[in-house]
Amino acid sequence: MRLILAMMRHETNTFSPIPTPLRAFGPKSGKQAISIYRGTNNPLAAYIDIAEREGAEYIVPLVANASPSAPVDQEAFDQMADAICDTVKKGCDGVMLDLHGPW
């Protein structure tokens, strides 16, 4: 079984003057993302635990989390969504997403 695990989180505040470009999300992927989130109190950590318990192959194309700020730049959204969607297009048996915000 091949799973895609990913996270995109942002609390939008339309009154905020603070821009939300890609760098605000601190995007990570692959082994780096897994090492950061494994064993934490986070949905992505639960996804990792489940995938490993079931003996699934899994890929983490993106973990991204921004503090509350203005709406996300379109370019940032496109890059993050493309990272996930492009990985899914390569084939998988399931997708586990931790999404928060106005996606």
PDB file of N, CA and C in Angstrom:
ATOM      1  N   MET A   1       0.843  -1.166   0.000  1.00  0.00           N
ATOM      2  CA  MET A   1       0.000   0.000   0.000  1.00  0.00           C
ATOM      3  C   MET A   1       0.895   1.238   0.000  1.00  0.00           C
ATOM      4  N   ARG A   2       0.552   2.199  -0.835  1.00  0.00           N
ATOM      5  CA  ARG A   2       1.320   3.453  -0.949  1.00  0.00           C
ATOM      6  C   ARG A   2       0.430   4.611  -0.529  1.00  0.00           C
ATOM      7  N   LEU A   3       0.862   5.355   0.496  1.00  0.00           N
ATOM      8  CA  LEU A   3       0.087   6.467   1.020  1.00  0.00           C
ATOM      9  C   LEU A   3       0.820   7.788   0.836  1.00  0.00           C
ATOM     10  N   ILE A   4       0.046   8.839   0.666  1.00  0.00           N
ATOM     11  CA  ILE A   4       0.570  10.205   0.632  1.00  0.00           C
ATOM     12  C   ILE A   4       0.090  10.877   1.916  1.00  0.00           C
ATOM     13  N   LEU A   5       1.019  11.400   2.704  1.00  0.00           N
ATOM     14  CA  LEU A   5       0.709  12.116   3.939  1.00  0.00           C
ATOM     15  C   LEU A   5       1.134  13.567   3.753  1.00  0.00           C
ATOM     16  N   ALA A   6       0.243  14.507   4.053  1.00  0.00           N
ATOM     17  CA  ALA A   6       0.599  15.909   3.851  1.00  0.00           C
ATOM     18  C   ALA A   6      -0.163  16.814   4.817  1.00  0.00           C
ATOM     19  N   MET A   7       0.373  18.019   5.000  1.00  0.00           N
ATOM     20  CA  MET A   7      -0.235  19.000   5.890  1.00  0.00           C
ATOM     21  C   MET A   7      -0.128  20.395   5.284  1.00  0.00           C
ATOM     22  N   MET A   8      -1.243  21.109   5.266  1.00  0.00           N
ATOM     23  CA  MET A   8      -1.302  22.534   4.903  1.00  0.00           C
ATOM     24  C   MET A   8      -2.198  23.200   5.933  1.00  0.00           C
ATOM     25  N   ARG A   9      -1.626  24.105   6.743  1.00  0.00           N
ATOM     26  CA  ARG A   9      -2.409  24.723   7.808  1.00  0.00           C
ATOM     27  C   ARG A   9      -2.161  26.229   7.851  1.00  0.00           C
ATOM     28  N   HIS A  10      -3.280  26.971   7.968  1.00  0.00           N
ATOM     29  CA  HIS A  10      -3.193  28.425   8.081  1.00  0.00           C
ATOM     30  C   HIS A  10      -4.515  28.974   8.574  1.00  0.00           C
ATOM     31  N   GLU A  11      -4.456  29.867   9.539  1.00  0.00           N
ATOM     32  CA  GLU A  11      -5.639  30.568  10.035  1.00  0.00           C
ATOM     33  C   GLU A  11      -5.639  31.944   9.391  1.00  0.00           C
ATOM     34  N   THR A  12      -6.577  32.174   8.487  1.00  0.00           N
ATOM     35  CA  THR A  12      -6.619  33.439   7.761  1.00  0.00           C
ATOM     36  C   THR A  12      -7.320  34.514   8.578  1.00  0.00           C
ATOM     37  N   ASN A  13      -6.699  35.686   8.605  1.00  0.00           N
ATOM     38  CA  ASN A  13      -7.280  36.864   9.223  1.00  0.00           C
ATOM     39  C   ASN A  13      -7.321  37.938   8.149  1.00  0.00           C
ATOM     40  N   THR A  14      -8.475  38.184   7.596  1.00  0.00           N
ATOM     41  CA  THR A  14      -8.581  39.140   6.479  1.00  0.00           C
ATOM     42  C   THR A  14      -8.257  40.565   6.896  1.00  0.00           C
ATOM     43  N   PHE A  15      -8.214  40.834   8.197  1.00  0.00           N
ATOM     44  CA  PHE A  15      -7.859  42.171   8.671  1.00  0.00           C
ATOM     45  C   PHE A  15      -6.360  42.327   8.917  1.00  0.00           C
ATOM     46  N   SER A  16      -5.626  41.242   8.835  1.00  0.00           N
ATOM     47  CA  SER A  16      -4.199  41.283   9.131  1.00  0.00           C
ATOM     48  C   SER A  16      -3.411  41.956   8.009  1.00  0.00           C
ATOM     49  N   PRO A  17      -2.463  42.823   8.377  1.00  0.00           N
ATOM     50  CA  PRO A  17      -1.584  43.424   7.374  1.00  0.00           C
ATOM     51  C   PRO A  17      -0.358  42.554   7.083  1.00  0.00           C
ATOM     52  N   ILE A  18      -0.226  41.421   7.790  1.00  0.00           N
ATOM     53  CA  ILE A  18       0.944  40.566   7.640  1.00  0.00           C
ATOM     54  C   ILE A  18       0.754  39.649   6.436  1.00  0.00           C
ATOM     55  N   PRO A  19       1.589  39.774   5.409  1.00  0.00           N
ATOM     56  CA  PRO A  19       1.435  38.922   4.218  1.00  0.00           C
ATOM     57  C   PRO A  19       1.711  37.452   4.539  1.00  0.00           C
ATOM     58  N   THR A  20       1.216  36.576   3.682  1.00  0.00           N
ATOM     59  CA  THR A  20       1.418  35.140   3.885  1.00  0.00           C
ATOM     60  C   THR A  20       2.005  34.511   2.624  1.00  0.00           C
ATOM     61  N   PRO A  21       3.291  34.742   2.363  1.00  0.00           N
ATOM     62  CA  PRO A  21       3.971  34.090   1.243  1.00  0.00           C
ATOM     63  C   PRO A  21       4.380  32.669   1.646  1.00  0.00           C
ATOM     64  N   LEU A  22       4.942  31.951   0.723  1.00  0.00           N
ATOM     65  CA  LEU A  22       5.352  30.569   0.967  1.00  0.00           C
ATOM     66  C   LEU A  22       6.299  30.453   2.164  1.00  0.00           C
ATOM     67  N   ARG A  23       7.245  31.358   2.293  1.00  0.00           N
ATOM     68  CA  ARG A  23       8.229  31.258   3.380  1.00  0.00           C
ATOM     69  C   ARG A  23       7.570  31.322   4.760  1.00  0.00           C
ATOM     70  N   ALA A  24       6.384  31.919   4.874  1.00  0.00           N
ATOM     71  CA  ALA A  24       5.677  31.981   6.162  1.00  0.00           C
ATOM     72  C   ALA A  24       5.262  30.592   6.640  1.00  0.00           C
ATOM     73  N   PHE A  25       5.156  29.640   5.727  1.00  0.00           N
ATOM     74  CA  PHE A  25       4.730  28.287   6.053  1.00  0.00           C
ATOM     75  C   PHE A  25       5.882  27.384   6.485  1.00  0.00           C
ATOM     76  N   GLY A  26       7.111  27.792   6.211  1.00  0.00           N
ATOM     77  CA  GLY A  26       8.257  26.943   6.542  1.00  0.00           C
ATOM     78  C   GLY A  26       8.112  25.547   5.969  1.00  0.00           C
ATOM     79  N   PRO A  27       7.814  25.436   4.678  1.00  0.00           N
ATOM     80  CA  PRO A  27       7.513  24.120   4.111  1.00  0.00           C
ATOM     81  C   PRO A  27       8.682  23.144   4.229  1.00  0.00           C
ATOM     82  N   LYS A  28       8.319  21.912   4.522  1.00  0.00           N
ATOM     83  CA  LYS A  28       9.277  20.810   4.604  1.00  0.00           C
ATOM     84  C   LYS A  28       8.683  19.621   3.872  1.00  0.00           C
ATOM     85  N   SER A  29       9.522  18.628   3.590  1.00  0.00           N
ATOM     86  CA  SER A  29       9.035  17.414   2.937  1.00  0.00           C
ATOM     87  C   SER A  29       9.963  16.252   3.271  1.00  0.00           C
ATOM     88  N   GLY A  30       9.535  15.069   2.858  1.00  0.00           N
ATOM     89  CA  GLY A  30      10.356  13.873   2.976  1.00  0.00           C
ATOM     90  C   GLY A  30      10.810  13.551   4.381  1.00  0.00           C
ATOM     91  N   LYS A  31      12.044  13.031   4.478  1.00  0.00           N
ATOM     92  CA  LYS A  31      12.592  12.578   5.755  1.00  0.00           C
ATOM     93  C   LYS A  31      12.680  13.707   6.778  1.00  0.00           C
ATOM     94  N   GLN A  32      12.954  14.922   6.311  1.00  0.00           N
ATOM     95  CA  GLN A  32      13.031  16.055   7.235  1.00  0.00           C
ATOM     96  C   GLN A  32      11.677  16.281   7.913  1.00  0.00           C
ATOM     97  N   ALA A  33      10.607  16.268   7.134  1.00  0.00           N
ATOM     98  CA  ALA A  33       9.259  16.462   7.681  1.00  0.00           C
ATOM     99  C   ALA A  33       8.912  15.338   8.647  1.00  0.00           C
ATOM    100  N   ILE A  34       9.240  14.123   8.274  1.00  0.00           N
ATOM    101  CA  ILE A  34       8.936  12.967   9.130  1.00  0.00           C
ATOM    102  C   ILE A  34       9.664  13.091  10.461  1.00  0.00           C
ATOM    103  N   SER A  35      10.933  13.454  10.428  1.00  0.00           N
ATOM    104  CA  SER A  35      11.702  13.548  11.682  1.00  0.00           C
ATOM    105  C   SER A  35      11.191  14.679  12.571  1.00  0.00           C
ATOM    106  N   ILE A  36      10.689  15.739  11.986  1.00  0.00           N
ATOM    107  CA  ILE A  36      10.160  16.858  12.770  1.00  0.00           C
ATOM    108  C   ILE A  36       8.847  16.479  13.455  1.00  0.00           C
ATOM    109  N   TYR A  37       7.978  15.779  12.760  1.00  0.00           N
ATOM    110  CA  TYR A  37       6.630  15.524  13.277  1.00  0.00           C
ATOM    111  C   TYR A  37       6.444  14.182  13.968  1.00  0.00           C
ATOM    112  N   ARG A  38       7.306  13.222  13.704  1.00  0.00           N
ATOM    113  CA  ARG A  38       7.154  11.899  14.340  1.00  0.00           C
ATOM    114  C   ARG A  38       7.146  12.057  15.863  1.00  0.00           C
ATOM    115  N   GLY A  39       6.183  11.396  16.503  1.00  0.00           N
ATOM    116  CA  GLY A  39       6.122  11.401  17.954  1.00  0.00           C
ATOM    117  C   GLY A  39       5.559  12.667  18.573  1.00  0.00           C
ATOM    118  N   THR A  40       5.031  13.566  17.776  1.00  0.00           N
ATOM    119  CA  THR A  40       4.455  14.800  18.311  1.00  0.00           C
ATOM    120  C   THR A  40       2.949  14.628  18.487  1.00  0.00           C
ATOM    121  N   ASN A  41       2.346  15.581  19.134  1.00  0.00           N
ATOM    122  CA  ASN A  41       0.896  15.588  19.320  1.00  0.00           C
ATOM    123  C   ASN A  41       0.274  16.340  18.140  1.00  0.00           C
ATOM    124  N   ASN A  42       0.316  15.721  16.971  1.00  0.00           N
ATOM    125  CA  ASN A  42      -0.094  16.366  15.731  1.00  0.00           C
ATOM    126  C   ASN A  42      -0.741  15.308  14.835  1.00  0.00           C
ATOM    127  N   PRO A  43      -1.749  15.687  14.045  1.00  0.00           N
ATOM    128  CA  PRO A  43      -2.363  14.701  13.149  1.00  0.00           C
ATOM    129  C   PRO A  43      -1.359  14.019  12.213  1.00  0.00           C
ATOM    130  N   LEU A  44      -0.360  14.748  11.732  1.00  0.00           N
ATOM    131  CA  LEU A  44       0.608  14.129  10.828  1.00  0.00           C
ATOM    132  C   LEU A  44       1.371  13.007  11.536  1.00  0.00           C
ATOM    133  N   ALA A  45       1.674  13.202  12.812  1.00  0.00           N
ATOM    134  CA  ALA A  45       2.342  12.146  13.580  1.00  0.00           C
ATOM    135  C   ALA A  45       1.459  10.905  13.650  1.00  0.00           C
ATOM    136  N   ALA A  46       0.158  11.105  13.816  1.00  0.00           N
ATOM    137  CA  ALA A  46      -0.761   9.963  13.832  1.00  0.00           C
ATOM    138  C   ALA A  46      -0.778   9.262  12.482  1.00  0.00           C
ATOM    139  N   TYR A  47      -0.755  10.021  11.403  1.00  0.00           N
ATOM    140  CA  TYR A  47      -0.718   9.424  10.056  1.00  0.00           C
ATOM    141  C   TYR A  47       0.544   8.570   9.887  1.00  0.00           C
ATOM    142  N   ILE A  48       1.674   9.094  10.354  1.00  0.00           N
ATOM    143  CA  ILE A  48       2.939   8.347  10.269  1.00  0.00           C
ATOM    144  C   ILE A  48       2.829   7.050  11.066  1.00  0.00           C
ATOM    145  N   ASP A  49       2.316   7.158  12.291  1.00  0.00           N
ATOM    146  CA  ASP A  49       2.150   5.967  13.131  1.00  0.00           C
ATOM    147  C   ASP A  49       1.267   4.923  12.452  1.00  0.00           C
ATOM    148  N   ILE A  50       0.146   5.349  11.886  1.00  0.00           N
ATOM    149  CA  ILE A  50      -0.783   4.428  11.216  1.00  0.00           C
ATOM    150  C   ILE A  50      -0.116   3.771  10.014  1.00  0.00           C
ATOM    151  N   ALA A  51       0.544   4.582   9.181  1.00  0.00           N
ATOM    152  CA  ALA A  51       1.202   4.039   7.984  1.00  0.00           C
ATOM    153  C   ALA A  51       2.253   3.000   8.367  1.00  0.00           C
ATOM    154  N   GLU A  52       3.054   3.313   9.364  1.00  0.00           N
ATOM    155  CA  GLU A  52       4.095   2.375   9.783  1.00  0.00           C
ATOM    156  C   GLU A  52       3.499   1.126  10.430  1.00  0.00           C
ATOM    157  N   ARG A  53       2.474   1.295  11.234  1.00  0.00           N
ATOM    158  CA  ARG A  53       1.828   0.145  11.862  1.00  0.00           C
ATOM    159  C   ARG A  53       1.262  -0.817  10.818  1.00  0.00           C
ATOM    160  N   GLU A  54       0.731  -0.262   9.735  1.00  0.00           N
ATOM    161  CA  GLU A  54       0.130  -1.074   8.671  1.00  0.00           C
ATOM    162  C   GLU A  54       1.142  -1.560   7.646  1.00  0.00           C
ATOM    163  N   GLY A  55       2.396  -1.164   7.801  1.00  0.00           N
ATOM    164  CA  GLY A  55       3.433  -1.594   6.876  1.00  0.00           C
ATOM    165  C   GLY A  55       3.337  -0.936   5.513  1.00  0.00           C
ATOM    166  N   ALA A  56       2.739   0.245   5.467  1.00  0.00           N
ATOM    167  CA  ALA A  56       2.556   0.952   4.197  1.00  0.00           C
ATOM    168  C   ALA A  56       3.809   1.733   3.817  1.00  0.00           C
ATOM    169  N   GLU A  57       4.032   1.826   2.530  1.00  0.00           N
ATOM    170  CA  GLU A  57       5.019   2.770   2.005  1.00  0.00           C
ATOM    171  C   GLU A  57       4.334   4.126   2.061  1.00  0.00           C
ATOM    172  N   TYR A  58       5.054   5.147   2.501  1.00  0.00           N
ATOM    173  CA  TYR A  58       4.419   6.466   2.524  1.00  0.00           C
ATOM    174  C   TYR A  58       5.404   7.549   2.111  1.00  0.00           C
ATOM    175  N   ILE A  59       4.817   8.602   1.576  1.00  0.00           N
ATOM    176  CA  ILE A  59       5.581   9.743   1.073  1.00  0.00           C
ATOM    177  C   ILE A  59       4.980  10.996   1.698  1.00  0.00           C
ATOM    178  N   VAL A  60       5.844  11.918   2.102  1.00  0.00           N
ATOM    179  CA  VAL A  60       5.400  13.192   2.653  1.00  0.00           C
ATOM    180  C   VAL A  60       5.908  14.298   1.720  1.00  0.00           C
ATOM    181  N   PRO A  61       5.072  14.722   0.766  1.00  0.00           N
ATOM    182  CA  PRO A  61       5.516  15.744  -0.174  1.00  0.00           C
ATOM    183  C   PRO A  61       5.508  17.152   0.403  1.00  0.00           C
ATOM    184  N   LEU A  62       4.741  17.359   1.502  1.00  0.00           N
ATOM    185  CA  LEU A  62       4.646  18.714   2.046  1.00  0.00           C
ATOM    186  C   LEU A  62       4.092  18.691   3.459  1.00  0.00           C
ATOM    187  N   VAL A  63       4.752  19.429   4.339  1.00  0.00           N
ATOM    188  CA  VAL A  63       4.171  19.864   5.599  1.00  0.00           C
ATOM    189  C   VAL A  63       4.406  21.369   5.645  1.00  0.00           C
ATOM    190  N   ALA A  64       3.348  22.121   5.895  1.00  0.00           N
ATOM    191  CA  ALA A  64       3.437  23.575   5.869  1.00  0.00           C
ATOM    192  C   ALA A  64       2.443  24.147   6.865  1.00  0.00           C
ATOM    193  N   ASN A  65       2.912  25.047   7.720  1.00  0.00           N
ATOM    194  CA  ASN A  65       2.067  25.599   8.768  1.00  0.00           C
ATOM    195  C   ASN A  65       2.457  27.053   8.982  1.00  0.00           C
ATOM    196  N   ALA A  66       1.519  27.964   8.770  1.00  0.00           N
ATOM    197  CA  ALA A  66       1.784  29.392   8.967  1.00  0.00           C
ATOM    198  C   ALA A  66       0.975  29.914  10.142  1.00  0.00           C
ATOM    199  N   SER A  67       1.523  30.896  10.822  1.00  0.00           N
ATOM    200  CA  SER A  67       0.799  31.572  11.897  1.00  0.00           C
ATOM    201  C   SER A  67      -0.348  32.383  11.300  1.00  0.00           C
ATOM    202  N   PRO A  68      -1.359  32.721  12.113  1.00  0.00           N
ATOM    203  CA  PRO A  68      -2.463  33.531  11.606  1.00  0.00           C
ATOM    204  C   PRO A  68      -1.946  34.815  10.955  1.00  0.00           C
ATOM    205  N   SER A  69      -2.458  35.076   9.759  1.00  0.00           N
ATOM    206  CA  SER A  69      -2.028  36.242   8.996  1.00  0.00           C
ATOM    207  C   SER A  69      -2.996  36.446   7.834  1.00  0.00           C
ATOM    208  N   ALA A  70      -2.659  37.353   6.952  1.00  0.00           N
ATOM    209  CA  ALA A  70      -3.511  37.695   5.814  1.00  0.00           C
ATOM    210  C   ALA A  70      -3.736  36.486   4.906  1.00  0.00           C
ATOM    211  N   PRO A  71      -4.692  36.586   3.985  1.00  0.00           N
ATOM    212  CA  PRO A  71      -4.911  35.476   3.049  1.00  0.00           C
ATOM    213  C   PRO A  71      -3.614  35.045   2.366  1.00  0.00           C
ATOM    214  N   VAL A  72      -3.534  33.765   2.067  1.00  0.00           N
ATOM    215  CA  VAL A  72      -2.343  33.163   1.463  1.00  0.00           C
ATOM    216  C   VAL A  72      -2.145  33.687   0.044  1.00  0.00           C
ATOM    217  N   ASP A  73      -0.900  34.038  -0.275  1.00  0.00           N
ATOM    218  CA  ASP A  73      -0.563  34.430  -1.645  1.00  0.00           C
ATOM    219  C   ASP A  73      -0.951  33.303  -2.597  1.00  0.00           C
ATOM    220  N   GLN A  74      -1.487  33.650  -3.742  1.00  0.00           N
ATOM    221  CA  GLN A  74      -1.893  32.633  -4.718  1.00  0.00           C
ATOM    222  C   GLN A  74      -0.712  31.773  -5.142  1.00  0.00           C
ATOM    223  N   GLU A  75       0.447  32.384  -5.339  1.00  0.00           N
ATOM    224  CA  GLU A  75       1.635  31.622  -5.752  1.00  0.00           C
ATOM    225  C   GLU A  75       2.019  30.600  -4.683  1.00  0.00           C
ATOM    226  N   ALA A  76       1.926  30.997  -3.417  1.00  0.00           N
ATOM    227  CA  ALA A  76       2.243  30.069  -2.326  1.00  0.00           C
ATOM    228  C   ALA A  76       1.252  28.914  -2.317  1.00  0.00           C
ATOM    229  N   PHE A  77      -0.028  29.225  -2.436  1.00  0.00           N
ATOM    230  CA  PHE A  77      -1.039  28.162  -2.457  1.00  0.00           C
ATOM    231  C   PHE A  77      -0.779  27.204  -3.612  1.00  0.00           C
ATOM    232  N   ASP A  78      -0.532  27.758  -4.798  1.00  0.00           N
ATOM    233  CA  ASP A  78      -0.309  26.914  -5.971  1.00  0.00           C
ATOM    234  C   ASP A  78       0.892  25.992  -5.781  1.00  0.00           C
ATOM    235  N   GLN A  79       1.978  26.511  -5.239  1.00  0.00           N
ATOM    236  CA  GLN A  79       3.169  25.687  -5.039  1.00  0.00           C
ATOM    237  C   GLN A  79       2.908  24.566  -4.040  1.00  0.00           C
ATOM    238  N   MET A  80       2.192  24.881  -2.961  1.00  0.00           N
ATOM    239  CA  MET A  80       1.913  23.853  -1.958  1.00  0.00           C
ATOM    240  C   MET A  80       0.937  22.809  -2.500  1.00  0.00           C
ATOM    241  N   ALA A  81      -0.138  23.269  -3.131  1.00  0.00           N
ATOM    242  CA  ALA A  81      -1.117  22.328  -3.687  1.00  0.00           C
ATOM    243  C   ALA A  81      -0.484  21.466  -4.774  1.00  0.00           C
ATOM    244  N   ASP A  82       0.351  22.075  -5.611  1.00  0.00           N
ATOM    245  CA  ASP A  82       1.019  21.314  -6.678  1.00  0.00           C
ATOM    246  C   ASP A  82       1.939  20.239  -6.101  1.00  0.00           C
ATOM    247  N   ALA A  83       2.634  20.538  -4.998  1.00  0.00           N
ATOM    248  CA  ALA A  83       3.522  19.546  -4.390  1.00  0.00           C
ATOM    249  C   ALA A  83       2.734  18.302  -3.995  1.00  0.00           C
ATOM    250  N   ILE A  84       1.547  18.499  -3.450  1.00  0.00           N
ATOM    251  CA  ILE A  84       0.710  17.370  -3.058  1.00  0.00           C
ATOM    252  C   ILE A  84       0.105  16.689  -4.279  1.00  0.00           C
ATOM    253  N   CYS A  85      -0.536  17.471  -5.130  1.00  0.00           N
ATOM    254  CA  CYS A  85      -1.239  16.901  -6.296  1.00  0.00           C
ATOM    255  C   CYS A  85      -0.291  16.192  -7.260  1.00  0.00           C
ATOM    256  N   ASP A  86       0.892  16.745  -7.476  1.00  0.00           N
ATOM    257  CA  ASP A  86       1.853  16.104  -8.374  1.00  0.00           C
ATOM    258  C   ASP A  86       2.292  14.746  -7.832  1.00  0.00           C
ATOM    259  N   THR A  87       2.411  14.637  -6.513  1.00  0.00           N
ATOM    260  CA  THR A  87       2.777  13.359  -5.900  1.00  0.00           C
ATOM    261  C   THR A  87       1.638  12.362  -6.041  1.00  0.00           C
ATOM    262  N   VAL A  88       0.417  12.809  -5.826  1.00  0.00           N
ATOM    263  CA  VAL A  88      -0.751  11.934  -5.969  1.00  0.00           C
ATOM    264  C   VAL A  88      -0.864  11.425  -7.405  1.00  0.00           C
ATOM    265  N   LYS A  89      -0.587  12.279  -8.375  1.00  0.00           N
ATOM    266  CA  LYS A  89      -0.680  11.892  -9.795  1.00  0.00           C
ATOM    267  C   LYS A  89       0.267  10.752 -10.147  1.00  0.00           C
ATOM    268  N   LYS A  90       1.326  10.592  -9.369  1.00  0.00           N
ATOM    269  CA  LYS A  90       2.278   9.502  -9.619  1.00  0.00           C
ATOM    270  C   LYS A  90       1.737   8.159  -9.161  1.00  0.00           C
ATOM    271  N   GLY A  91       0.612   8.201  -8.442  1.00  0.00           N
ATOM    272  CA  GLY A  91      -0.054   6.976  -8.021  1.00  0.00           C
ATOM    273  C   GLY A  91       0.030   6.740  -6.538  1.00  0.00           C
ATOM    274  N   CYS A  92      -1.083   6.352  -5.964  1.00  0.00           N
ATOM    275  CA  CYS A  92      -1.135   6.009  -4.555  1.00  0.00           C
ATOM    276  C   CYS A  92      -2.420   5.246  -4.278  1.00  0.00           C
ATOM    277  N   ASP A  93      -2.473   4.654  -3.103  1.00  0.00           N
ATOM    278  CA  ASP A  93      -3.669   3.942  -2.677  1.00  0.00           C
ATOM    279  C   ASP A  93      -4.521   4.774  -1.728  1.00  0.00           C
ATOM    280  N   GLY A  94      -3.946   5.815  -1.177  1.00  0.00           N
ATOM    281  CA  GLY A  94      -4.692   6.661  -0.252  1.00  0.00           C
ATOM    282  C   GLY A  94      -3.944   7.939   0.058  1.00  0.00           C
ATOM    283  N   VAL A  95      -4.704   8.940   0.484  1.00  0.00           N
ATOM    284  CA  VAL A  95      -4.138  10.239   0.837  1.00  0.00           C
ATOM    285  C   VAL A  95      -4.663  10.604   2.224  1.00  0.00           C
ATOM    286  N   MET A  96      -3.757  10.997   3.098  1.00  0.00           N
ATOM    287  CA  MET A  96      -4.132  11.437   4.441  1.00  0.00           C
ATOM    288  C   MET A  96      -3.664  12.885   4.573  1.00  0.00           C
ATOM    289  N   LEU A  97      -4.631  13.801   4.652  1.00  0.00           N
ATOM    290  CA  LEU A  97      -4.325  15.230   4.674  1.00  0.00           C
ATOM    291  C   LEU A  97      -4.709  15.859   6.001  1.00  0.00           C
ATOM    292  N   ASP A  98      -3.836  16.675   6.524  1.00  0.00           N
ATOM    293  CA  ASP A  98      -4.138  17.522   7.672  1.00  0.00           C
ATOM    294  C   ASP A  98      -4.280  18.932   7.112  1.00  0.00           C
ATOM    295  N   LEU A  99      -5.525  19.357   6.910  1.00  0.00           N
ATOM    296  CA  LEU A  99      -5.800  20.665   6.335  1.00  0.00           C
ATOM    297  C   LEU A  99      -6.495  21.541   7.368  1.00  0.00           C
ATOM    298  N   HIS A 100      -6.072  22.786   7.433  1.00  0.00           N
ATOM    299  CA  HIS A 100      -6.768  23.749   8.282  1.00  0.00           C
ATOM    300  C   HIS A 100      -6.690  25.089   7.577  1.00  0.00           C
ATOM    301  N   GLY A 101      -7.785  25.777   7.532  1.00  0.00           N
ATOM    302  CA  GLY A 101      -7.808  27.101   6.924  1.00  0.00           C
ATOM    303  C   GLY A 101      -8.773  27.155   5.755  1.00  0.00           C
ATOM    304  N   PRO A 102      -8.669  28.180   4.962  1.00  0.00           N
ATOM    305  CA  PRO A 102      -9.628  28.434   3.888  1.00  0.00           C
ATOM    306  C   PRO A 102      -9.278  27.776   2.564  1.00  0.00           C
ATOM    307  N   TRP A 103      -8.837  26.544   2.603  1.00  0.00           N
ATOM    308  CA  TRP A 103      -8.448  25.891   1.371  1.00  0.00           C
ATOM    309  C   TRP A 103      -9.671  25.566   0.572  1.00  0.00           C
TER     310      TRP A 103
END
